[in-house]
Protein backbone atom coordinates (compact mmCIF):
# COMPACT_ATOMS: atom_id res chain seq x y z
CA MET A 1 2.93 -1.34 20.24
CA GLY A 2 -0.05 -1.09 17.92
CA ALA A 3 -0.38 -2.02 14.23
CA VAL A 4 0.77 -0.29 11.00
CA ASP A 5 -1.61 0.18 8.21
CA VAL A 6 0.38 0.33 4.95
CA TRP A 7 -2.43 1.45 2.56
CA SER A 8 -4.75 4.17 3.55
CA GLN A 9 -6.15 7.38 2.05
CA ILE A 10 -7.49 10.62 3.39
CA THR A 11 -9.70 11.51 0.55
CA THR A 12 -10.23 14.71 -1.49
CA GLU A 13 -13.34 15.78 -3.29
CA ARG A 14 -11.64 15.00 -6.62
CA PHE A 15 -10.90 11.50 -5.46
CA MET A 16 -14.43 10.87 -4.20
CA GLN A 17 -15.88 11.85 -7.66
CA VAL A 18 -14.13 9.37 -9.87
CA PRO A 19 -16.65 7.09 -11.40
CA TRP A 20 -14.63 3.90 -10.82
CA LEU A 21 -15.32 4.04 -7.09
CA ASP A 22 -18.90 2.99 -7.62
CA THR A 23 -17.94 -0.61 -8.19
CA ILE A 24 -15.91 -0.63 -4.97
CA LEU A 25 -19.08 0.32 -3.08
CA ARG A 26 -20.52 -2.97 -4.28
CA TRP A 27 -17.45 -4.90 -3.31
CA THR A 28 -17.47 -3.53 0.11
CA GLY A 29 -21.20 -3.65 0.71
CA GLN A 30 -21.61 0.11 1.23
CA THR A 31 -24.36 2.43 -0.15
CA GLU A 32 -22.43 5.71 -0.25
CA TRP A 33 -18.88 7.07 0.36
CA ARG A 34 -18.14 9.06 3.43
CA PRO A 35 -15.13 11.28 2.99
CA ALA A 36 -12.24 10.48 5.27
CA SER A 37 -10.83 13.32 7.26
CA PRO A 38 -7.79 13.15 9.53
CA GLU A 39 -10.01 13.02 12.60
CA THR A 40 -12.19 10.19 11.27
CA THR A 41 -9.17 8.31 10.12
CA ILE A 42 -7.44 8.48 13.54
CA ALA A 43 -10.75 7.45 15.27
CA ALA A 44 -10.92 4.38 12.96
CA MET A 45 -7.23 3.63 13.73
CA ASP A 46 -7.77 3.91 17.52
CA ALA A 47 -10.76 1.54 17.33
CA ALA A 48 -8.45 -1.24 16.02
CA ASP A 49 -5.29 -0.30 17.86
CA VAL A 50 -3.47 0.99 14.74
CA ASP A 51 -0.65 3.31 15.60
CA VAL A 52 0.41 4.39 12.12
CA ALA A 53 -1.36 4.79 8.82
CA MET A 54 0.56 5.39 5.56
CA LEU A 55 -1.47 7.87 3.48
CA SER A 56 -1.25 7.48 -0.30
CA ALA A 57 -1.22 10.28 -2.79
CA TRP A 58 -2.78 9.36 -6.15
CA CYS A 59 -1.69 10.57 -9.67
CA GLY A 60 -3.10 9.13 -12.83
CA PRO A 61 -3.10 10.01 -16.52
CA SER A 62 -6.00 12.44 -15.98
CA GLY A 63 -4.18 14.30 -13.24
CA TRP A 64 -3.92 14.39 -9.51
CA LEU A 65 -6.66 12.91 -7.29
CA ILE A 66 -4.69 13.42 -4.00
CA THR A 67 -1.56 15.47 -4.29
CA ASN A 68 1.65 14.94 -2.39
CA ASP A 69 1.23 18.35 -0.78
CA GLU A 70 -2.30 17.36 0.44
CA VAL A 71 -0.80 14.26 2.01
CA THR A 72 1.96 16.44 3.65
CA GLU A 73 -0.73 18.76 5.12
CA ASN A 74 -2.43 15.85 6.91
CA ILE A 75 0.90 14.42 8.13
CA ALA A 76 1.75 17.90 9.55
CA ARG A 77 -1.33 17.86 11.70
CA PHE A 78 -0.63 14.34 13.19
CA PRO A 79 2.97 13.55 12.41
CA ALA A 80 3.22 10.62 14.85
CA ARG A 81 0.08 8.89 13.39
CA PHE A 82 0.56 9.29 9.57
CA LYS A 83 3.41 8.71 7.19
CA GLY A 84 3.29 9.57 3.42
CA LEU A 85 3.55 7.44 0.27
CA ALA A 86 4.24 9.67 -2.67
CA SER A 87 2.87 9.39 -6.22
CA VAL A 88 4.24 10.78 -9.54
CA ASP A 89 3.42 11.34 -13.14
CA LEU A 90 4.74 8.43 -15.22
CA ASN A 91 4.49 10.56 -18.40
CA ASN A 92 6.93 13.12 -17.04
CA PRO A 93 9.98 11.06 -15.85
CA MET A 94 12.40 13.80 -14.91
CA ALA A 95 9.72 15.75 -13.02
CA ALA A 96 8.81 12.47 -11.28
CA VAL A 97 12.37 11.91 -10.14
CA ARG A 98 12.60 15.44 -8.81
CA GLU A 99 9.25 14.97 -7.03
CA ILE A 100 10.61 11.77 -5.33
CA ARG A 101 13.58 13.75 -4.04
CA ARG A 102 11.43 16.60 -2.77
CA CYS A 103 9.05 14.15 -0.97
CA THR A 104 11.97 12.27 0.56
CA ALA A 105 13.30 15.48 2.00
CA SER A 106 9.79 16.05 3.46
CA GLY A 107 9.85 12.71 5.20
CA PHE A 108 7.83 10.50 2.92
CA VAL A 109 8.51 6.81 3.54
CA GLY A 110 7.65 5.29 0.06
CA VAL A 111 6.30 5.75 -3.49
CA ARG A 112 3.07 4.17 -4.70
CA ILE A 113 1.95 3.79 -8.35
CA VAL A 114 -1.31 1.87 -9.15
CA PRO A 115 -0.75 0.11 -12.54
CA TRP A 116 -4.43 -0.29 -13.46
CA LEU A 117 -5.08 3.42 -13.14
CA TRP A 118 -2.38 3.96 -15.80
CA ASP A 119 -3.19 0.75 -17.71
CA LEU A 120 0.59 0.20 -17.77
CA PRO A 121 2.20 -2.86 -16.12
CA PRO A 122 5.20 -2.26 -13.83
CA ASN A 123 7.76 -3.43 -16.44
CA ASP A 124 6.89 -0.53 -18.70
CA ARG A 125 9.87 1.63 -19.42
CA ARG A 126 8.08 4.64 -17.87
CA TYR A 127 8.52 3.26 -14.46
CA TYR A 128 12.17 2.72 -14.62
CA PRO A 129 13.40 6.20 -13.68
CA ILE A 130 11.02 5.90 -10.72
CA TYR A 131 12.64 2.68 -9.53
CA ALA A 132 16.09 4.20 -9.73
CA ALA A 133 15.03 7.26 -7.81
CA CYS A 134 13.48 5.00 -5.13
CA ILE A 135 16.78 3.17 -4.76
CA ASP A 136 18.74 6.32 -4.50
CA ALA A 137 16.30 7.69 -1.86
CA GLY A 138 16.11 4.37 0.09
CA LEU A 139 12.37 4.20 -0.37
CA PRO A 140 10.24 1.04 -1.11
CA PHE A 141 8.16 1.08 -4.27
CA CYS A 142 4.50 0.15 -3.51
CA THR A 143 2.18 -1.06 -6.22
CA GLN A 144 -1.09 -3.03 -6.63
CA ILE A 145 -1.21 -6.70 -7.65
CA GLY A 146 -4.10 -8.90 -8.72
CA HIS A 147 -7.50 -8.08 -10.20
CA THR A 148 -9.18 -4.69 -9.88
CA GLY A 149 -12.24 -3.69 -8.01
CA PRO A 150 -12.92 -0.80 -10.49
CA LEU A 151 -14.04 -1.79 -13.94
CA CYS A 152 -10.59 -1.50 -15.43
CA ARG A 153 -8.23 -3.99 -16.97
CA SER A 154 -6.71 -6.31 -14.41
CA GLU A 155 -3.83 -7.52 -16.56
CA PRO A 156 -1.36 -4.71 -15.42
CA GLY A 157 -1.68 -6.33 -11.93
CA ARG A 158 -0.54 -9.76 -12.87
CA PRO A 159 2.67 -10.58 -11.06
CA ILE A 160 4.37 -12.72 -13.74
CA PRO A 161 5.95 -11.57 -15.98
CA TYR A 162 5.62 -7.92 -15.13
CA LEU A 163 6.86 -7.79 -11.55
CA ASP A 164 9.34 -10.64 -12.20
CA ASP A 165 11.03 -8.46 -14.79
CA VAL A 166 11.21 -5.52 -12.35
CA LEU A 167 12.63 -7.62 -9.54
CA LEU A 168 15.25 -9.11 -11.90
CA ASP A 169 16.25 -5.69 -13.19
CA PHE A 170 16.36 -3.91 -9.67
CA PRO A 171 17.51 -6.31 -7.06
CA GLU A 172 18.16 -3.35 -4.68
CA LEU A 173 14.58 -2.13 -4.95
CA ARG A 174 12.10 -3.11 -2.01
CA VAL A 175 8.75 -3.80 -3.77
CA VAL A 176 5.47 -4.03 -1.87
CA GLY A 177 2.58 -5.65 -3.75
CA GLY A 178 -0.75 -4.43 -2.33
CA HIS A 179 -4.26 -6.07 -2.43
CA VAL A 180 -3.02 -9.66 -2.12
CA GLY A 181 -2.80 -10.57 -5.73
CA ALA A 182 -5.87 -12.72 -6.39
CA PRO A 183 -6.45 -14.64 -8.71
CA TRP A 184 -2.73 -15.15 -9.16
CA ILE A 185 -1.91 -16.17 -5.56
CA GLU A 186 0.54 -18.89 -6.60
CA GLU A 187 2.49 -16.38 -8.77
CA VAL A 188 2.54 -13.90 -5.85
CA LEU A 189 3.91 -16.53 -3.48
CA SER A 190 6.49 -17.76 -5.99
CA LEU A 191 7.87 -14.29 -6.38
CA ALA A 192 7.94 -13.80 -2.54
CA ARG A 193 9.96 -17.04 -2.28
CA LYS A 194 12.23 -16.18 -5.13
CA TYR A 195 13.01 -12.53 -4.22
CA PRO A 196 13.94 -11.46 -0.68
CA ASN A 197 13.12 -7.81 -1.58
CA PHE A 198 9.41 -8.52 -2.51
CA TYR A 199 6.74 -8.11 -0.01
CA ILE A 200 2.96 -8.36 0.08
CA ASP A 201 0.26 -6.30 1.82
CA THR A 202 -3.30 -7.43 2.58
CA SER A 203 -5.10 -4.18 1.85
CA ALA A 204 -8.63 -4.38 0.49
CA TYR A 205 -9.06 -7.64 2.34
CA ALA A 206 -10.68 -8.46 5.64
CA VAL A 207 -8.02 -10.96 7.01
CA HIS A 208 -10.49 -13.88 7.35
CA ARG A 209 -10.79 -13.74 3.57
CA LEU A 210 -7.11 -14.31 2.86
CA PRO A 211 -6.34 -17.32 0.73
CA ARG A 212 -5.19 -20.27 2.95
CA GLN A 213 -1.95 -20.66 1.14
CA MET A 214 -1.02 -17.03 1.99
CA ILE A 215 -1.94 -17.61 5.69
CA ASP A 216 0.26 -20.67 5.62
CA PHE A 217 3.13 -18.61 4.07
CA MET A 218 2.79 -15.92 6.75
CA ASN A 219 3.03 -18.63 9.53
CA SER A 220 6.12 -20.37 8.02
CA ASP A 221 8.78 -19.33 5.57
CA GLY A 222 6.92 -16.08 4.78
CA ARG A 223 6.85 -14.57 8.16
CA GLY A 224 7.90 -10.92 7.91
CA ARG A 225 7.06 -10.85 4.36
CA VAL A 226 3.27 -10.01 4.49
CA MET A 227 2.07 -6.72 5.96
CA PHE A 228 -1.35 -5.47 7.18
CA GLY A 229 -3.26 -2.87 5.15
CA THR A 230 -6.80 -1.69 4.88
CA ASN A 231 -7.38 0.61 1.81
CA TRP A 232 -9.20 2.95 4.17
CA PRO A 233 -11.86 4.40 3.79
CA MET A 234 -12.87 1.44 1.55
CA LEU A 235 -12.41 -0.82 4.55
CA SER A 236 -11.92 0.15 8.16
CA PRO A 237 -9.07 -1.38 10.29
CA ALA A 238 -11.68 -2.90 12.71
CA ARG A 239 -13.45 -4.63 9.84
CA CYS A 240 -10.24 -5.94 8.43
CA LEU A 241 -9.00 -7.30 11.77
CA GLU A 242 -12.15 -8.54 13.51
CA ARG A 243 -11.49 -12.13 12.74
CA LEU A 244 -7.75 -12.05 13.07
CA ASN A 245 -7.76 -14.91 15.56
CA VAL A 246 -9.11 -17.41 12.97
CA LEU A 247 -5.85 -17.15 11.03
CA GLY A 248 -4.02 -19.22 13.65
CA LEU A 249 -0.82 -17.13 13.50
CA ASP A 250 1.74 -17.70 16.12
CA ALA A 251 2.82 -14.83 18.23
CA ASP A 252 5.91 -13.96 16.08
CA ALA A 253 4.04 -14.22 12.70
CA ARG A 254 1.23 -12.11 14.24
CA ALA A 255 3.61 -9.39 15.42
CA GLN A 256 5.33 -9.41 11.98
CA PHE A 257 2.11 -9.09 10.07
CA LEU A 258 0.67 -6.37 12.21
CA GLY A 259 3.54 -3.97 12.30
CA ALA A 260 7.02 -5.37 12.75
CA ALA A 261 7.64 -6.08 9.03
CA ALA A 262 6.29 -2.67 8.06
CA ARG A 263 8.43 -0.88 10.54
CA ARG A 264 11.45 -2.70 9.08
CA VAL A 265 10.65 -2.26 5.33
CA PHE A 266 9.59 1.32 5.63
CA ARG A 267 12.28 2.16 8.24
CA LEU A 268 9.69 3.71 10.56
CA ASP A 269 11.75 3.06 13.70
CA GLN A 270 14.01 5.82 12.38
CA LYS A 271 11.16 8.30 12.07
CA GLU A 272 8.32 7.26 14.38
CA GLY A 273 7.32 9.10 17.48
CA GLY A 274 4.74 8.37 20.15
CA ARG A 275 1.05 8.04 19.64
CA GLU A 276 -0.88 11.31 19.55
CA ALA A 277 -4.58 11.90 20.21
């Protein structure tokens, strides 16, 4: 069984034109963006033995960059290879709740909100109807933790006190913190040890760049709590995994990281079919 990528995008023209992507080019050593299509995404997945990629919708205060319906269209073409993570408008809470219900009925497996895009930490009151809707729908809430690649404030991605408050207020909510959480790694790991419903994904990092304390966590009491992600097309699965062996993960920890944890947290085994070309 291949890997699961828990953070990926099939880009739109609107998404590719946002000015904050320019700084991510510098972070990733690229000179220009190449739009990601379903076909190029699957080719990149196959090159690294990735079975399933979770495609994110993107909504921010200026509007939709990738709509939930656009994600649905890509999933419909390759339903065994793609799963959807919905987004919603935080400034319209009842519409957001209804949108989560609609996306759940369409087979989406989670909800993702990026706090720096809104400049609102996750304990802001505008998120709370979203959390309740996720619990009712049985969906994980996915977010970003740590500093930002774009030239935006990093403070909304600080784990303590913001996510600490959320995890205290919503003990039934599965929360996935993406992008590792640097420079607040100790805060991230303290939350993961404190709350059994908090998980981490390694998107935006080639795995050999993971902090040593996170690797140790994955190989010990944190096995099954850290999941693989890329942030494709910013990073490809092959680039993220090319030095996986240097992590020294045992067989179980490696299996949990590459896909077993994601299949459990996002309940993919209830929805996943076989690999398609």
